[in-house]
Amino acid sequence: MIIRSYEPSDCEYLAELFYQTVHTVNAKDYTDEQLDAWADGSVDFKQWNRTFQEHFSVVAVMDDGIVGFGDIDTKGYLDRLYVHKDYQSRGVATAICRELEKAVEADKITVHASITAKPFFLSRGYKVVKEQQVCRKGIFLTNFLMEKDVL
């Protein structure tokens, strides 16, 4: 596995990976209605590209393709971390998260973790600050504000 910096040419592929991951991996914890509100298949590529370029953003490459991605801002907010549905439980999220955590100069890293991602972040030493109900397109989804002290 290679972890490399995000490139603007990755953006459309990452949007598709995001959609597929949400609608398969997260389907065990959320309803179809919630999944559609979270990832409806229409991403503003200009905005995504801008945020990827403003943040420290990486992609994981295996088998000649992108299998995951993540980004974190300068204040320590881990914005996105997604792994292709066919590459779950193979260390991809761990490798990406390690790179993101190393890039931060903040005292804490925060993340809004899905029900599905919560155990992963707990295993990396994150603590739940609070459970939240987030409204997307009029639909409520449960997630968790989590944080980790940077050593």
Protein backbone atom coordinates (compact mmCIF):
# COMPACT_ATOMS: atom_id res chain seq x y z
CA MET A 1 0.00 0.00 0.00
CA ILE A 2 1.19 3.47 -0.89
CA ILE A 3 -0.06 6.59 0.90
CA ARG A 4 0.37 9.65 -1.28
CA SER A 5 -0.78 13.25 -1.36
CA TYR A 6 -4.15 14.09 -2.86
CA GLU A 7 -4.16 15.34 -6.46
CA PRO A 8 -7.05 17.29 -8.05
CA SER A 9 -7.45 14.53 -10.64
CA ASP A 10 -8.47 12.21 -7.75
CA CYS A 11 -11.58 14.20 -6.82
CA GLU A 12 -14.23 12.53 -8.97
CA TYR A 13 -13.01 9.06 -8.07
CA LEU A 14 -13.04 9.94 -4.35
CA ALA A 15 -16.62 11.14 -4.64
CA GLU A 16 -17.63 7.78 -6.14
CA LEU A 17 -15.69 5.86 -3.48
CA PHE A 18 -17.43 7.97 -0.80
CA TYR A 19 -20.88 7.19 -2.21
CA GLN A 20 -20.22 3.45 -2.58
CA THR A 21 -18.67 3.17 0.88
CA VAL A 22 -21.51 4.98 2.63
CA HIS A 23 -24.16 2.92 0.84
CA THR A 24 -22.52 -0.44 1.55
CA VAL A 25 -20.31 -0.26 4.66
CA ASN A 26 -22.59 2.06 6.64
CA ALA A 27 -25.80 0.26 5.58
CA LYS A 28 -25.67 -1.96 8.68
CA ASP A 29 -26.03 1.08 10.97
CA TYR A 30 -28.24 3.50 9.02
CA THR A 31 -31.52 3.30 7.08
CA ASP A 32 -31.68 3.74 3.30
CA GLU A 33 -33.26 7.15 3.86
CA GLN A 34 -30.35 8.18 6.11
CA LEU A 35 -27.76 6.87 3.64
CA ASP A 36 -29.38 8.84 0.81
CA ALA A 37 -29.34 12.02 2.94
CA TRP A 38 -25.66 11.46 3.80
CA ALA A 39 -24.50 10.58 0.29
CA ASP A 40 -26.92 11.32 -2.52
CA GLY A 41 -24.45 10.90 -5.36
CA SER A 42 -24.15 14.58 -6.19
CA VAL A 43 -20.94 16.11 -4.88
CA ASP A 44 -19.82 19.67 -5.55
CA PHE A 45 -16.44 18.75 -7.07
CA LYS A 46 -15.18 22.33 -6.95
CA GLN A 47 -15.88 22.54 -3.21
CA TRP A 48 -14.47 19.07 -2.47
CA ASN A 49 -11.31 19.82 -4.45
CA ARG A 50 -10.91 23.14 -2.65
CA THR A 51 -11.21 21.55 0.81
CA PHE A 52 -8.87 18.71 -0.12
CA GLN A 53 -6.31 21.28 -1.25
CA GLU A 54 -6.77 23.43 1.88
CA HIS A 55 -6.42 20.41 4.20
CA PHE A 56 -3.68 17.84 4.58
CA SER A 57 -5.20 15.18 2.30
CA VAL A 58 -3.95 11.73 1.37
CA VAL A 59 -5.08 8.75 -0.65
CA ALA A 60 -4.21 5.08 -0.23
CA VAL A 61 -3.28 3.15 -3.36
CA MET A 62 -3.30 -0.66 -3.70
CA ASP A 63 -3.62 -2.94 -6.69
CA ASP A 64 -3.12 0.06 -9.02
CA GLY A 65 -6.17 1.92 -7.68
CA ILE A 66 -7.26 4.28 -4.93
CA VAL A 67 -8.70 2.28 -2.03
CA GLY A 68 -9.17 5.03 0.55
CA PHE A 69 -8.72 8.69 1.40
CA GLY A 70 -8.73 11.10 4.28
CA ASP A 71 -8.17 14.73 5.16
CA ILE A 72 -7.56 16.85 8.23
CA ASP A 73 -7.48 20.62 8.65
CA THR A 74 -4.81 22.71 10.35
CA LYS A 75 -6.82 22.93 13.59
CA GLY A 76 -6.95 19.14 13.98
CA TYR A 77 -10.43 18.44 12.59
CA LEU A 78 -10.36 15.08 10.79
CA ASP A 79 -12.95 15.78 8.11
CA ARG A 80 -13.16 12.63 5.97
CA LEU A 81 -11.83 9.08 6.24
CA TYR A 82 -13.29 6.52 3.85
CA VAL A 83 -12.10 3.12 2.66
CA HIS A 84 -13.38 1.28 -0.40
CA LYS A 85 -15.97 -1.38 0.46
CA ASP A 86 -13.72 -4.16 -0.92
CA TYR A 87 -10.71 -3.09 1.19
CA GLN A 88 -12.26 -3.00 4.67
CA SER A 89 -10.27 -4.52 7.57
CA ARG A 90 -6.99 -4.53 5.63
CA GLY A 91 -5.21 -1.71 7.48
CA VAL A 92 -6.10 1.01 4.99
CA ALA A 93 -7.93 3.27 7.46
CA THR A 94 -5.17 2.75 10.03
CA ALA A 95 -2.47 3.79 7.54
CA ILE A 96 -4.42 6.85 6.40
CA CYS A 97 -5.31 7.90 9.94
CA ARG A 98 -1.68 7.54 11.07
CA GLU A 99 -0.59 9.95 8.32
CA LEU A 100 -3.33 12.43 9.15
CA GLU A 101 -2.54 12.35 12.87
CA LYS A 102 1.18 12.90 12.24
CA ALA A 103 0.46 16.00 10.15
CA VAL A 104 -1.33 17.88 12.94
CA GLU A 105 0.29 20.50 15.14
CA ALA A 106 -2.86 21.04 17.25
CA ASP A 107 -3.28 19.80 20.85
CA LYS A 108 -6.32 17.68 19.97
CA ILE A 109 -7.73 15.89 16.98
CA THR A 110 -11.50 15.90 16.64
CA VAL A 111 -13.76 13.86 14.39
CA HIS A 112 -17.48 13.39 13.88
CA ALA A 113 -17.55 9.60 13.67
CA SER A 114 -20.41 7.58 12.30
CA ILE A 115 -21.88 4.68 14.27
CA THR A 116 -19.88 2.43 11.94
CA ALA A 117 -16.57 4.28 12.44
CA LYS A 118 -16.86 4.76 16.22
CA PRO A 119 -15.17 1.42 17.15
CA PHE A 120 -12.25 2.21 14.82
CA PHE A 121 -11.63 5.57 16.46
CA LEU A 122 -12.04 4.12 19.96
CA SER A 123 -9.34 1.57 19.08
CA ARG A 124 -7.01 4.46 18.15
CA GLY A 125 -7.42 6.17 21.52
CA TYR A 126 -10.21 8.62 20.67
CA LYS A 127 -12.77 9.34 23.37
CA VAL A 128 -16.47 10.08 22.84
CA VAL A 129 -17.26 13.67 23.82
CA LYS A 130 -20.95 13.37 22.97
CA GLU A 131 -23.50 11.58 20.81
CA GLN A 132 -25.13 13.89 18.27
CA GLN A 133 -28.14 13.96 15.97
CA VAL A 134 -27.11 15.67 12.74
CA CYS A 135 -29.76 16.83 10.27
CA ARG A 136 -29.03 16.28 6.58
CA LYS A 137 -31.74 17.18 4.09
CA GLY A 138 -34.36 16.95 6.84
CA ILE A 139 -33.22 13.49 7.96
CA PHE A 140 -31.50 12.89 11.32
CA LEU A 141 -28.38 10.74 11.57
CA THR A 142 -26.53 9.73 14.71
CA ASN A 143 -22.83 10.43 14.95
CA PHE A 144 -20.30 11.00 17.71
CA LEU A 145 -18.07 13.93 18.42
CA MET A 146 -14.79 12.27 19.38
CA GLU A 147 -11.38 13.62 20.27
CA LYS A 148 -7.85 12.46 20.86
CA ASP A 149 -5.02 14.26 22.61
CA VAL A 150 -1.97 14.64 20.39
CA LEU A 151 1.13 13.38 22.13
